[in-house]
Amino acid sequence: MYSTMTNWEFTAMTDEMIHTIKTVYFPRMKSQGAIDVYNIKTSETTGTVVTIWPDKDTADKAMEEAHSVRSDAAAKFDSKVVSMASGPVVAKG
């Protein structure tokens, strides 16, 4: 498995934001082959999205759509990506 992580800053995590993430953005990622997607609230104004892919090739092929999702979310919710990381999943519980 392979993981991509995107760290975000925003004004506030609203109910509308959570609803849109769950019903619009996550399905878009899953349609590209993501196994699962998690939105983690790390503070009142920051969060991390962790996407799990079956392998790096699938993640790489989905990057155009992932970029589109990030751009759409940033515009819709006045938020910004502050950092991104990726790598192989080496352990799972």
N, C-alpha and C. Protein backbone atom coordinates (compact mmCIF):
# COMPACT_ATOMS: atom_id res chain seq x y z
N MET A 1 0.85 -1.19 0.00
CA MET A 1 0.00 0.00 0.00
C MET A 1 0.89 1.24 0.00
N TYR A 2 0.30 2.35 -0.41
CA TYR A 2 1.01 3.62 -0.53
C TYR A 2 0.10 4.71 0.03
N SER A 3 0.70 5.73 0.62
CA SER A 3 -0.09 6.80 1.24
C SER A 3 0.36 8.16 0.75
N THR A 4 -0.63 9.04 0.56
CA THR A 4 -0.34 10.46 0.33
C THR A 4 -0.99 11.25 1.45
N MET A 5 -0.30 12.29 1.91
CA MET A 5 -0.79 13.12 3.01
C MET A 5 -0.71 14.59 2.60
N THR A 6 -1.80 15.31 2.83
CA THR A 6 -1.86 16.73 2.49
C THR A 6 -2.25 17.49 3.75
N ASN A 7 -1.42 18.45 4.15
CA ASN A 7 -1.69 19.28 5.33
C ASN A 7 -2.28 20.61 4.89
N TRP A 8 -3.37 20.98 5.56
CA TRP A 8 -4.17 22.14 5.18
C TRP A 8 -4.25 23.16 6.30
N GLU A 9 -4.44 24.43 5.92
CA GLU A 9 -4.84 25.50 6.83
C GLU A 9 -6.15 26.07 6.32
N PHE A 10 -7.04 26.41 7.24
CA PHE A 10 -8.34 26.98 6.88
C PHE A 10 -8.81 27.87 8.03
N THR A 11 -9.84 28.66 7.76
CA THR A 11 -10.39 29.54 8.79
C THR A 11 -11.08 28.73 9.88
N ALA A 12 -11.89 27.78 9.48
CA ALA A 12 -12.60 26.91 10.43
C ALA A 12 -13.10 25.69 9.68
N MET A 13 -13.16 24.56 10.36
CA MET A 13 -13.74 23.36 9.76
C MET A 13 -15.23 23.37 10.05
N THR A 14 -16.01 23.65 9.03
CA THR A 14 -17.46 23.78 9.19
C THR A 14 -18.18 22.48 8.85
N ASP A 15 -19.44 22.40 9.24
CA ASP A 15 -20.25 21.24 8.87
C ASP A 15 -20.37 21.12 7.35
N GLU A 16 -20.51 22.26 6.67
CA GLU A 16 -20.59 22.25 5.20
C GLU A 16 -19.31 21.68 4.61
N MET A 17 -18.17 22.07 5.15
CA MET A 17 -16.89 21.57 4.66
C MET A 17 -16.81 20.05 4.83
N ILE A 18 -17.14 19.56 6.00
CA ILE A 18 -17.09 18.12 6.26
C ILE A 18 -18.03 17.36 5.33
N HIS A 19 -19.23 17.89 5.16
CA HIS A 19 -20.21 17.25 4.27
C HIS A 19 -19.67 17.17 2.83
N THR A 20 -19.11 18.26 2.35
CA THR A 20 -18.59 18.31 0.98
C THR A 20 -17.39 17.38 0.82
N ILE A 21 -16.53 17.34 1.81
CA ILE A 21 -15.38 16.44 1.77
C ILE A 21 -15.87 15.00 1.64
N LYS A 22 -16.85 14.63 2.47
CA LYS A 22 -17.33 13.25 2.49
C LYS A 22 -18.13 12.87 1.25
N THR A 23 -18.91 13.81 0.71
CA THR A 23 -19.83 13.46 -0.38
C THR A 23 -19.33 13.83 -1.77
N VAL A 24 -18.33 14.71 -1.86
CA VAL A 24 -17.84 15.14 -3.17
C VAL A 24 -16.37 14.75 -3.36
N TYR A 25 -15.50 15.22 -2.48
CA TYR A 25 -14.06 15.05 -2.70
C TYR A 25 -13.58 13.63 -2.46
N PHE A 26 -14.01 13.00 -1.37
CA PHE A 26 -13.57 11.62 -1.12
C PHE A 26 -14.04 10.67 -2.22
N PRO A 27 -15.29 10.76 -2.68
CA PRO A 27 -15.68 9.88 -3.79
C PRO A 27 -14.85 10.10 -5.06
N ARG A 28 -14.43 11.32 -5.30
CA ARG A 28 -13.58 11.58 -6.46
C ARG A 28 -12.25 10.84 -6.32
N MET A 29 -11.69 10.83 -5.12
CA MET A 29 -10.43 10.13 -4.90
C MET A 29 -10.62 8.61 -5.01
N LYS A 30 -11.71 8.13 -4.45
CA LYS A 30 -11.98 6.69 -4.53
C LYS A 30 -12.22 6.24 -5.97
N SER A 31 -12.81 7.11 -6.78
CA SER A 31 -13.03 6.77 -8.19
C SER A 31 -11.71 6.62 -8.95
N GLN A 32 -10.64 7.16 -8.38
CA GLN A 32 -9.31 7.06 -8.99
C GLN A 32 -8.51 5.88 -8.45
N GLY A 33 -9.13 5.11 -7.52
CA GLY A 33 -8.46 3.91 -7.02
C GLY A 33 -8.06 3.95 -5.56
N ALA A 34 -8.34 5.05 -4.86
CA ALA A 34 -7.99 5.11 -3.43
C ALA A 34 -8.73 4.02 -2.66
N ILE A 35 -8.03 3.37 -1.75
CA ILE A 35 -8.65 2.36 -0.89
C ILE A 35 -9.48 3.06 0.18
N ASP A 36 -8.91 4.11 0.77
CA ASP A 36 -9.62 4.87 1.80
C ASP A 36 -9.03 6.26 1.89
N VAL A 37 -9.81 7.18 2.46
CA VAL A 37 -9.39 8.57 2.63
C VAL A 37 -9.84 9.03 4.00
N TYR A 38 -8.95 9.70 4.72
CA TYR A 38 -9.25 10.19 6.07
C TYR A 38 -8.97 11.69 6.14
N ASN A 39 -9.87 12.42 6.80
CA ASN A 39 -9.66 13.84 7.08
C ASN A 39 -9.46 13.94 8.59
N ILE A 40 -8.29 14.40 9.01
CA ILE A 40 -7.94 14.45 10.42
C ILE A 40 -7.84 15.91 10.85
N LYS A 41 -8.64 16.30 11.82
CA LYS A 41 -8.61 17.66 12.36
C LYS A 41 -7.45 17.74 13.35
N THR A 42 -6.43 18.53 13.01
CA THR A 42 -5.25 18.62 13.87
C THR A 42 -5.28 19.84 14.78
N SER A 43 -6.13 20.81 14.46
CA SER A 43 -6.37 21.96 15.34
C SER A 43 -7.65 22.64 14.82
N GLU A 44 -8.02 23.75 15.40
CA GLU A 44 -9.22 24.46 14.94
C GLU A 44 -9.05 25.02 13.53
N THR A 45 -7.82 25.21 13.09
CA THR A 45 -7.58 25.81 11.78
C THR A 45 -6.66 24.98 10.88
N THR A 46 -6.40 23.73 11.25
CA THR A 46 -5.54 22.88 10.42
C THR A 46 -6.10 21.46 10.35
N GLY A 47 -5.75 20.78 9.28
CA GLY A 47 -6.16 19.40 9.12
C GLY A 47 -5.24 18.68 8.16
N THR A 48 -5.31 17.37 8.19
CA THR A 48 -4.51 16.53 7.30
C THR A 48 -5.42 15.53 6.62
N VAL A 49 -5.25 15.39 5.31
CA VAL A 49 -5.96 14.37 4.55
C VAL A 49 -4.96 13.26 4.24
N VAL A 50 -5.31 12.05 4.65
CA VAL A 50 -4.47 10.88 4.39
C VAL A 50 -5.24 9.98 3.42
N THR A 51 -4.63 9.69 2.30
CA THR A 51 -5.24 8.83 1.30
C THR A 51 -4.39 7.56 1.18
N ILE A 52 -5.07 6.43 1.23
CA ILE A 52 -4.40 5.14 1.11
C ILE A 52 -4.69 4.56 -0.27
N TRP A 53 -3.63 4.20 -0.96
CA TRP A 53 -3.70 3.66 -2.32
C TRP A 53 -3.21 2.21 -2.31
N PRO A 54 -3.63 1.41 -3.27
CA PRO A 54 -3.13 0.04 -3.31
C PRO A 54 -1.63 -0.02 -3.59
N ASP A 55 -1.12 0.96 -4.36
CA ASP A 55 0.31 0.98 -4.71
C ASP A 55 0.67 2.37 -5.24
N LYS A 56 1.98 2.60 -5.39
CA LYS A 56 2.46 3.90 -5.85
C LYS A 56 1.99 4.21 -7.27
N ASP A 57 1.95 3.20 -8.13
CA ASP A 57 1.51 3.43 -9.51
C ASP A 57 0.09 3.99 -9.56
N THR A 58 -0.81 3.43 -8.74
CA THR A 58 -2.19 3.93 -8.70
C THR A 58 -2.21 5.37 -8.20
N ALA A 59 -1.45 5.65 -7.15
CA ALA A 59 -1.38 7.01 -6.62
C ALA A 59 -0.84 7.98 -7.67
N ASP A 60 0.22 7.58 -8.35
CA ASP A 60 0.80 8.45 -9.38
C ASP A 60 -0.19 8.74 -10.50
N LYS A 61 -0.94 7.74 -10.92
CA LYS A 61 -1.92 7.93 -11.99
C LYS A 61 -3.07 8.83 -11.56
N ALA A 62 -3.34 8.91 -10.25
CA ALA A 62 -4.45 9.71 -9.73
C ALA A 62 -4.04 11.15 -9.41
N MET A 63 -2.80 11.51 -9.57
CA MET A 63 -2.34 12.83 -9.12
C MET A 63 -2.99 14.00 -9.85
N GLU A 64 -3.36 13.84 -11.10
CA GLU A 64 -4.04 14.93 -11.80
C GLU A 64 -5.39 15.22 -11.14
N GLU A 65 -6.14 14.16 -10.84
CA GLU A 65 -7.43 14.34 -10.16
C GLU A 65 -7.21 14.85 -8.73
N ALA A 66 -6.18 14.36 -8.05
CA ALA A 66 -5.90 14.82 -6.69
C ALA A 66 -5.59 16.32 -6.69
N HIS A 67 -4.84 16.76 -7.66
CA HIS A 67 -4.54 18.20 -7.78
C HIS A 67 -5.82 18.99 -8.02
N SER A 68 -6.70 18.47 -8.85
CA SER A 68 -7.98 19.13 -9.12
C SER A 68 -8.83 19.21 -7.85
N VAL A 69 -8.87 18.13 -7.08
CA VAL A 69 -9.62 18.13 -5.82
C VAL A 69 -9.05 19.17 -4.87
N ARG A 70 -7.72 19.20 -4.73
CA ARG A 70 -7.10 20.19 -3.83
C ARG A 70 -7.42 21.62 -4.29
N SER A 71 -7.33 21.88 -5.58
CA SER A 71 -7.63 23.22 -6.10
C SER A 71 -9.07 23.60 -5.84
N ASP A 72 -10.00 22.68 -6.09
CA ASP A 72 -11.42 22.95 -5.86
C ASP A 72 -11.68 23.23 -4.38
N ALA A 73 -11.12 22.40 -3.51
CA ALA A 73 -11.34 22.58 -2.06
C ALA A 73 -10.74 23.89 -1.57
N ALA A 74 -9.56 24.23 -2.04
CA ALA A 74 -8.92 25.47 -1.60
C ALA A 74 -9.77 26.68 -1.98
N ALA A 75 -10.32 26.67 -3.17
CA ALA A 75 -11.15 27.79 -3.63
C ALA A 75 -12.49 27.83 -2.89
N LYS A 76 -13.11 26.68 -2.73
CA LYS A 76 -14.44 26.64 -2.12
C LYS A 76 -14.42 27.02 -0.65
N PHE A 77 -13.37 26.63 0.06
CA PHE A 77 -13.35 26.82 1.52
C PHE A 77 -12.29 27.79 2.00
N ASP A 78 -11.76 28.63 1.11
CA ASP A 78 -10.76 29.61 1.49
C ASP A 78 -9.69 28.95 2.36
N SER A 79 -9.11 27.90 1.82
CA SER A 79 -8.10 27.14 2.55
C SER A 79 -6.87 27.01 1.67
N LYS A 80 -5.77 26.51 2.26
CA LYS A 80 -4.58 26.32 1.45
C LYS A 80 -3.80 25.11 1.92
N VAL A 81 -3.13 24.48 0.97
CA VAL A 81 -2.24 23.38 1.26
C VAL A 81 -0.94 23.97 1.79
N VAL A 82 -0.48 23.47 2.94
CA VAL A 82 0.79 23.96 3.50
C VAL A 82 1.92 22.99 3.30
N SER A 83 1.63 21.71 3.13
CA SER A 83 2.67 20.74 2.82
C SER A 83 2.03 19.43 2.37
N MET A 84 2.85 18.63 1.70
CA MET A 84 2.40 17.32 1.24
C MET A 84 3.56 16.35 1.43
N ALA A 85 3.18 15.08 1.62
CA ALA A 85 4.18 14.01 1.74
C ALA A 85 3.55 12.74 1.21
N SER A 86 4.39 11.78 0.90
CA SER A 86 3.89 10.48 0.44
C SER A 86 4.93 9.43 0.72
N GLY A 87 4.47 8.19 0.75
CA GLY A 87 5.39 7.09 0.94
C GLY A 87 4.69 5.77 1.13
N PRO A 88 5.45 4.69 1.11
CA PRO A 88 4.86 3.37 1.28
C PRO A 88 4.38 3.15 2.71
N VAL A 89 3.27 2.44 2.85
CA VAL A 89 2.78 2.03 4.16
C VAL A 89 3.64 0.83 4.56
N VAL A 90 4.33 0.93 5.70
CA VAL A 90 5.24 -0.14 6.11
C VAL A 90 4.67 -1.01 7.23
N ALA A 91 3.60 -0.56 7.87
CA ALA A 91 2.95 -1.37 8.91
C ALA A 91 1.49 -0.97 9.01
N LYS A 92 0.67 -1.94 9.33
CA LYS A 92 -0.77 -1.71 9.49
C LYS A 92 -1.24 -2.55 10.67
N GLY A 93 -2.09 -1.96 11.51
CA GLY A 93 -2.55 -2.70 12.69
C GLY A 93 -3.92 -3.27 12.52
